[in-house]
Amino acid sequence: MNKEKIKYNIIHLDVYVASISMAILVGVTFLGVIMRYVVGKPFGWIEEIQAFLIVWVVFLGAGSAYRTGNHARIEFLYDKFNPHVKKILDLVISIIATIVIGFFLYASIKYIGLFIKTGRKTSVLQFSYVAIYSVVPISCILQLINYFVVEVFHKWDEKESIIIESSEEKDNA
């Protein structure tokens, strides 16, 4: 595998894991419906698996949403401003986004610390809440990285779906 393909796969690892989680979620849900309504013997553990997978799908998808430009925006209002005001708004938005994601990162680490201290587990399958929610701080870090790469440093090429190397980085390679 060449260097570009490896880099591409690493950058998109969050999407791969979220996609696999989503496929498993759909399969488990479908199986649960069959077992409940056709066979008449529902699984008691299915909700725990679904909750686990939903958390992973949502949080892993959040970072990649920056790369693909799929986070919600109010461009209608933004586009009405002149370039000077847009630069100020971009700075304010960057500061607010960083603070919010940073706070979420901090809070998620605190919660995971609490789960580690208490050893809390799900009631049926005894999954550790640490395993379920460990994706949240990872997602926050990925969101910050993706946010700065795309929105602040403008290093993302949507057509190519790759991080653009500066000419200095290419010369050093």
C-alpha atoms as a PDB file:
ATOM      1  CA  MET A   1       0.000   0.000   0.000  1.00  0.00           C
ATOM      2  CA  ASN A   2       1.444   3.374  -0.930  1.00  0.00           C
ATOM      3  CA  LYS A   3       2.005   6.242   1.480  1.00  0.00           C
ATOM      4  CA  GLU A   4      -0.970   8.308   0.210  1.00  0.00           C
ATOM      5  CA  LYS A   5      -3.388   5.386   0.614  1.00  0.00           C
ATOM      6  CA  ILE A   6      -2.173   4.770   4.176  1.00  0.00           C
ATOM      7  CA  LYS A   7      -2.564   8.461   5.013  1.00  0.00           C
ATOM      8  CA  TYR A   8      -6.051   8.492   3.485  1.00  0.00           C
ATOM      9  CA  ASN A   9      -7.092   5.434   5.521  1.00  0.00           C
ATOM     10  CA  ILE A  10      -5.764   6.912   8.763  1.00  0.00           C
ATOM     11  CA  ILE A  11      -7.563  10.200   8.150  1.00  0.00           C
ATOM     12  CA  HIS A  12     -10.826   8.342   7.485  1.00  0.00           C
ATOM     13  CA  LEU A  13     -10.505   5.775  10.287  1.00  0.00           C
ATOM     14  CA  ASP A  14     -13.286   7.510  12.232  1.00  0.00           C
ATOM     15  CA  VAL A  15     -15.649   7.111   9.274  1.00  0.00           C
ATOM     16  CA  TYR A  16     -14.736   3.446   8.878  1.00  0.00           C
ATOM     17  CA  VAL A  17     -15.404   2.655  12.543  1.00  0.00           C
ATOM     18  CA  ALA A  18     -18.626   4.734  12.532  1.00  0.00           C
ATOM     19  CA  SER A  19     -19.787   2.941   9.371  1.00  0.00           C
ATOM     20  CA  ILE A  20     -19.110  -0.491  10.826  1.00  0.00           C
ATOM     21  CA  SER A  21     -20.896   0.549  14.036  1.00  0.00           C
ATOM     22  CA  MET A  22     -23.871   1.780  12.001  1.00  0.00           C
ATOM     23  CA  ALA A  23     -24.051  -1.455  10.013  1.00  0.00           C
ATOM     24  CA  ILE A  24     -23.993  -3.492  13.230  1.00  0.00           C
ATOM     25  CA  LEU A  25     -26.621  -1.177  14.751  1.00  0.00           C
ATOM     26  CA  VAL A  26     -28.953  -1.683  11.787  1.00  0.00           C
ATOM     27  CA  GLY A  27     -28.380  -5.449  11.848  1.00  0.00           C
ATOM     28  CA  VAL A  28     -28.958  -5.774  15.584  1.00  0.00           C
ATOM     29  CA  THR A  29     -32.072  -3.588  15.395  1.00  0.00           C
ATOM     30  CA  PHE A  30     -33.466  -5.613  12.496  1.00  0.00           C
ATOM     31  CA  LEU A  31     -32.760  -8.843  14.368  1.00  0.00           C
ATOM     32  CA  GLY A  32     -34.425  -7.379  17.459  1.00  0.00           C
ATOM     33  CA  VAL A  33     -37.571  -6.522  15.500  1.00  0.00           C
ATOM     34  CA  ILE A  34     -37.718 -10.052  14.062  1.00  0.00           C
ATOM     35  CA  MET A  35     -37.231 -11.616  17.487  1.00  0.00           C
ATOM     36  CA  ARG A  36     -39.839  -9.393  19.143  1.00  0.00           C
ATOM     37  CA  TYR A  37     -42.616  -9.325  16.558  1.00  0.00           C
ATOM     38  CA  VAL A  38     -42.135 -12.507  14.513  1.00  0.00           C
ATOM     39  CA  VAL A  39     -40.669 -15.004  16.966  1.00  0.00           C
ATOM     40  CA  GLY A  40     -42.235 -13.413  20.066  1.00  0.00           C
ATOM     41  CA  LYS A  41     -39.057 -13.688  22.158  1.00  0.00           C
ATOM     42  CA  PRO A  42     -37.383 -10.273  22.418  1.00  0.00           C
ATOM     43  CA  PHE A  43     -33.762  -9.919  23.435  1.00  0.00           C
ATOM     44  CA  GLY A  44     -33.376  -8.264  26.830  1.00  0.00           C
ATOM     45  CA  TRP A  45     -29.913  -6.992  26.027  1.00  0.00           C
ATOM     46  CA  ILE A  46     -30.570  -5.313  22.679  1.00  0.00           C
ATOM     47  CA  GLU A  47     -31.087  -1.790  24.060  1.00  0.00           C
ATOM     48  CA  GLU A  48     -27.642  -1.808  25.656  1.00  0.00           C
ATOM     49  CA  ILE A  49     -25.983  -2.752  22.366  1.00  0.00           C
ATOM     50  CA  GLN A  50     -28.016  -0.112  20.511  1.00  0.00           C
ATOM     51  CA  ALA A  51     -27.117   2.629  23.023  1.00  0.00           C
ATOM     52  CA  PHE A  52     -23.431   1.667  22.802  1.00  0.00           C
ATOM     53  CA  LEU A  53     -23.459   1.766  18.993  1.00  0.00           C
ATOM     54  CA  ILE A  54     -25.455   5.003  18.757  1.00  0.00           C
ATOM     55  CA  VAL A  55     -22.890   6.787  20.937  1.00  0.00           C
ATOM     56  CA  TRP A  56     -20.065   5.522  18.743  1.00  0.00           C
ATOM     57  CA  VAL A  57     -21.810   6.398  15.463  1.00  0.00           C
ATOM     58  CA  VAL A  58     -22.721   9.925  16.562  1.00  0.00           C
ATOM     59  CA  PHE A  59     -19.415  10.873  18.093  1.00  0.00           C
ATOM     60  CA  LEU A  60     -17.181   9.333  15.449  1.00  0.00           C
ATOM     61  CA  GLY A  61     -19.267  10.970  12.737  1.00  0.00           C
ATOM     62  CA  ALA A  62     -18.904  14.409  14.323  1.00  0.00           C
ATOM     63  CA  GLY A  63     -15.234  14.862  13.449  1.00  0.00           C
ATOM     64  CA  SER A  64     -15.676  13.745   9.875  1.00  0.00           C
ATOM     65  CA  ALA A  65     -18.594  16.168   9.486  1.00  0.00           C
ATOM     66  CA  TYR A  66     -16.051  19.025   9.605  1.00  0.00           C
ATOM     67  CA  ARG A  67     -14.078  17.448   6.767  1.00  0.00           C
ATOM     68  CA  THR A  68     -17.140  17.079   4.581  1.00  0.00           C
ATOM     69  CA  GLY A  69     -18.741  20.409   5.492  1.00  0.00           C
ATOM     70  CA  ASN A  70     -21.792  18.722   7.006  1.00  0.00           C
ATOM     71  CA  HIS A  71     -22.067  20.594  10.292  1.00  0.00           C
ATOM     72  CA  ALA A  72     -25.078  22.881  10.392  1.00  0.00           C
ATOM     73  CA  ARG A  73     -24.431  26.477   9.413  1.00  0.00           C
ATOM     74  CA  ILE A  74     -26.533  29.550   8.889  1.00  0.00           C
ATOM     75  CA  GLU A  75     -24.926  30.696   5.661  1.00  0.00           C
ATOM     76  CA  PHE A  76     -27.948  32.709   4.595  1.00  0.00           C
ATOM     77  CA  LEU A  77     -27.231  35.279   7.301  1.00  0.00           C
ATOM     78  CA  TYR A  78     -23.439  34.971   7.104  1.00  0.00           C
ATOM     79  CA  ASP A  79     -23.383  35.633   3.350  1.00  0.00           C
ATOM     80  CA  LYS A  80     -25.116  39.004   3.842  1.00  0.00           C
ATOM     81  CA  PHE A  81     -22.094  40.475   5.660  1.00  0.00           C
ATOM     82  CA  ASN A  82     -19.129  42.207   4.034  1.00  0.00           C
ATOM     83  CA  PRO A  83     -15.688  40.497   4.052  1.00  0.00           C
ATOM     84  CA  HIS A  84     -14.428  42.509   7.061  1.00  0.00           C
ATOM     85  CA  VAL A  85     -17.375  41.468   9.232  1.00  0.00           C
ATOM     86  CA  LYS A  86     -17.029  37.887   7.981  1.00  0.00           C
ATOM     87  CA  LYS A  87     -13.409  37.774   9.197  1.00  0.00           C
ATOM     88  CA  ILE A  88     -14.490  38.959  12.636  1.00  0.00           C
ATOM     89  CA  LEU A  89     -17.351  36.437  12.682  1.00  0.00           C
ATOM     90  CA  ASP A  90     -14.957  33.664  11.627  1.00  0.00           C
ATOM     91  CA  LEU A  91     -12.680  34.510  14.550  1.00  0.00           C
ATOM     92  CA  VAL A  92     -15.581  34.636  17.026  1.00  0.00           C
ATOM     93  CA  ILE A  93     -16.997  31.360  15.689  1.00  0.00           C
ATOM     94  CA  SER A  94     -13.564  29.702  15.930  1.00  0.00           C
ATOM     95  CA  ILE A  95     -13.155  30.828  19.535  1.00  0.00           C
ATOM     96  CA  ILE A  96     -16.653  29.685  20.517  1.00  0.00           C
ATOM     97  CA  ALA A  97     -16.295  26.327  18.718  1.00  0.00           C
ATOM     98  CA  THR A  98     -12.934  25.690  20.387  1.00  0.00           C
ATOM     99  CA  ILE A  99     -14.281  26.590  23.834  1.00  0.00           C
ATOM    100  CA  VAL A 100     -17.396  24.439  23.457  1.00  0.00           C
ATOM    101  CA  ILE A 101     -15.544  21.384  22.136  1.00  0.00           C
ATOM    102  CA  GLY A 102     -12.780  21.924  24.717  1.00  0.00           C
ATOM    103  CA  PHE A 103     -15.339  22.039  27.526  1.00  0.00           C
ATOM    104  CA  PHE A 104     -16.988  18.902  26.174  1.00  0.00           C
ATOM    105  CA  LEU A 105     -13.568  17.209  26.114  1.00  0.00           C
ATOM    106  CA  TYR A 106     -12.921  18.253  29.714  1.00  0.00           C
ATOM    107  CA  ALA A 107     -16.380  17.121  30.900  1.00  0.00           C
ATOM    108  CA  SER A 108     -16.131  13.774  29.097  1.00  0.00           C
ATOM    109  CA  ILE A 109     -12.754  13.052  30.694  1.00  0.00           C
ATOM    110  CA  LYS A 110     -14.252  13.857  34.116  1.00  0.00           C
ATOM    111  CA  TYR A 111     -17.177  11.499  33.448  1.00  0.00           C
ATOM    112  CA  ILE A 112     -14.868   8.708  32.339  1.00  0.00           C
ATOM    113  CA  GLY A 113     -12.842   9.249  35.510  1.00  0.00           C
ATOM    114  CA  LEU A 114     -16.054   8.871  37.491  1.00  0.00           C
ATOM    115  CA  PHE A 115     -16.911   5.651  35.624  1.00  0.00           C
ATOM    116  CA  ILE A 116     -13.418   4.314  36.360  1.00  0.00           C
ATOM    117  CA  LYS A 117     -13.776   5.135  40.087  1.00  0.00           C
ATOM    118  CA  THR A 118     -17.223   3.603  40.411  1.00  0.00           C
ATOM    119  CA  GLY A 119     -16.687   0.679  38.035  1.00  0.00           C
ATOM    120  CA  ARG A 120     -20.174   1.306  36.679  1.00  0.00           C
ATOM    121  CA  LYS A 121     -21.450  -1.242  34.166  1.00  0.00           C
ATOM    122  CA  THR A 122     -24.617  -1.764  32.163  1.00  0.00           C
ATOM    123  CA  SER A 123     -27.237  -3.840  33.934  1.00  0.00           C
ATOM    124  CA  VAL A 124     -27.701  -6.758  31.527  1.00  0.00           C
ATOM    125  CA  LEU A 125     -24.452  -7.296  29.599  1.00  0.00           C
ATOM    126  CA  GLN A 126     -22.179  -5.737  32.219  1.00  0.00           C
ATOM    127  CA  PHE A 127     -20.406  -3.519  29.660  1.00  0.00           C
ATOM    128  CA  SER A 128     -18.159  -0.977  31.279  1.00  0.00           C
ATOM    129  CA  TYR A 129     -19.369   2.587  30.767  1.00  0.00           C
ATOM    130  CA  VAL A 130     -15.717   3.461  30.208  1.00  0.00           C
ATOM    131  CA  ALA A 131     -15.742   1.334  27.024  1.00  0.00           C
ATOM    132  CA  ILE A 132     -18.994   2.903  25.845  1.00  0.00           C
ATOM    133  CA  TYR A 133     -18.093   6.546  26.461  1.00  0.00           C
ATOM    134  CA  SER A 134     -14.335   6.443  25.798  1.00  0.00           C
ATOM    135  CA  VAL A 135     -15.137   7.492  22.247  1.00  0.00           C
ATOM    136  CA  VAL A 136     -16.345  10.928  23.437  1.00  0.00           C
ATOM    137  CA  PRO A 137     -12.961  12.476  24.353  1.00  0.00           C
ATOM    138  CA  ILE A 138     -11.402  10.826  21.287  1.00  0.00           C
ATOM    139  CA  SER A 139     -14.141  12.407  19.191  1.00  0.00           C
ATOM    140  CA  CYS A 140     -13.587  15.817  20.779  1.00  0.00           C
ATOM    141  CA  ILE A 141      -9.891  15.666  19.933  1.00  0.00           C
ATOM    142  CA  LEU A 142     -10.696  14.593  16.360  1.00  0.00           C
ATOM    143  CA  GLN A 143     -13.276  17.380  16.075  1.00  0.00           C
ATOM    144  CA  LEU A 144     -10.727  19.982  17.190  1.00  0.00           C
ATOM    145  CA  ILE A 145      -8.115  18.656  14.770  1.00  0.00           C
ATOM    146  CA  ASN A 146     -10.589  18.514  11.887  1.00  0.00           C
ATOM    147  CA  TYR A 147     -12.013  21.932  12.749  1.00  0.00           C
ATOM    148  CA  PHE A 148      -8.609  23.596  12.669  1.00  0.00           C
ATOM    149  CA  VAL A 149      -7.435  21.731   9.560  1.00  0.00           C
ATOM    150  CA  VAL A 150     -10.582  22.644   7.616  1.00  0.00           C
ATOM    151  CA  GLU A 151     -11.866  25.933   9.006  1.00  0.00           C
ATOM    152  CA  VAL A 152      -8.806  27.682  10.397  1.00  0.00           C
ATOM    153  CA  PHE A 153      -5.855  26.491   8.322  1.00  0.00           C
ATOM    154  CA  HIS A 154      -7.882  25.708   5.156  1.00  0.00           C
ATOM    155  CA  LYS A 155      -5.762  22.609   4.523  1.00  0.00           C
ATOM    156  CA  TRP A 156      -8.555  20.297   3.385  1.00  0.00           C
ATOM    157  CA  ASP A 157      -9.284  19.636  -0.254  1.00  0.00           C
ATOM    158  CA  GLU A 158     -12.891  18.445  -0.444  1.00  0.00           C
ATOM    159  CA  LYS A 159     -12.526  17.165  -4.018  1.00  0.00           C
ATOM    160  CA  GLU A 160      -9.535  15.040  -3.122  1.00  0.00           C
ATOM    161  CA  SER A 161     -10.599  14.276   0.487  1.00  0.00           C
ATOM    162  CA  ILE A 162      -7.028  14.704   1.647  1.00  0.00           C
ATOM    163  CA  ILE A 163      -5.061  17.076   3.787  1.00  0.00           C
ATOM    164  CA  ILE A 164      -3.128  19.449   1.560  1.00  0.00           C
ATOM    165  CA  GLU A 165       0.581  19.554   2.284  1.00  0.00           C
ATOM    166  CA  SER A 166       2.305  22.898   2.107  1.00  0.00           C
ATOM    167  CA  SER A 167       5.187  23.246  -0.367  1.00  0.00           C
ATOM    168  CA  GLU A 168       7.667  23.148   2.559  1.00  0.00           C
ATOM    169  CA  GLU A 169       6.247  19.818   3.752  1.00  0.00           C
ATOM    170  CA  LYS A 170       6.524  18.386   0.230  1.00  0.00           C
ATOM    171  CA  ASP A 171      10.131  19.585  -0.070  1.00  0.00           C
ATOM    172  CA  ASN A 172      11.047  17.943   3.260  1.00  0.00           C
ATOM    173  CA  ALA A 173       9.433  14.614   2.320  1.00  0.00           C
END
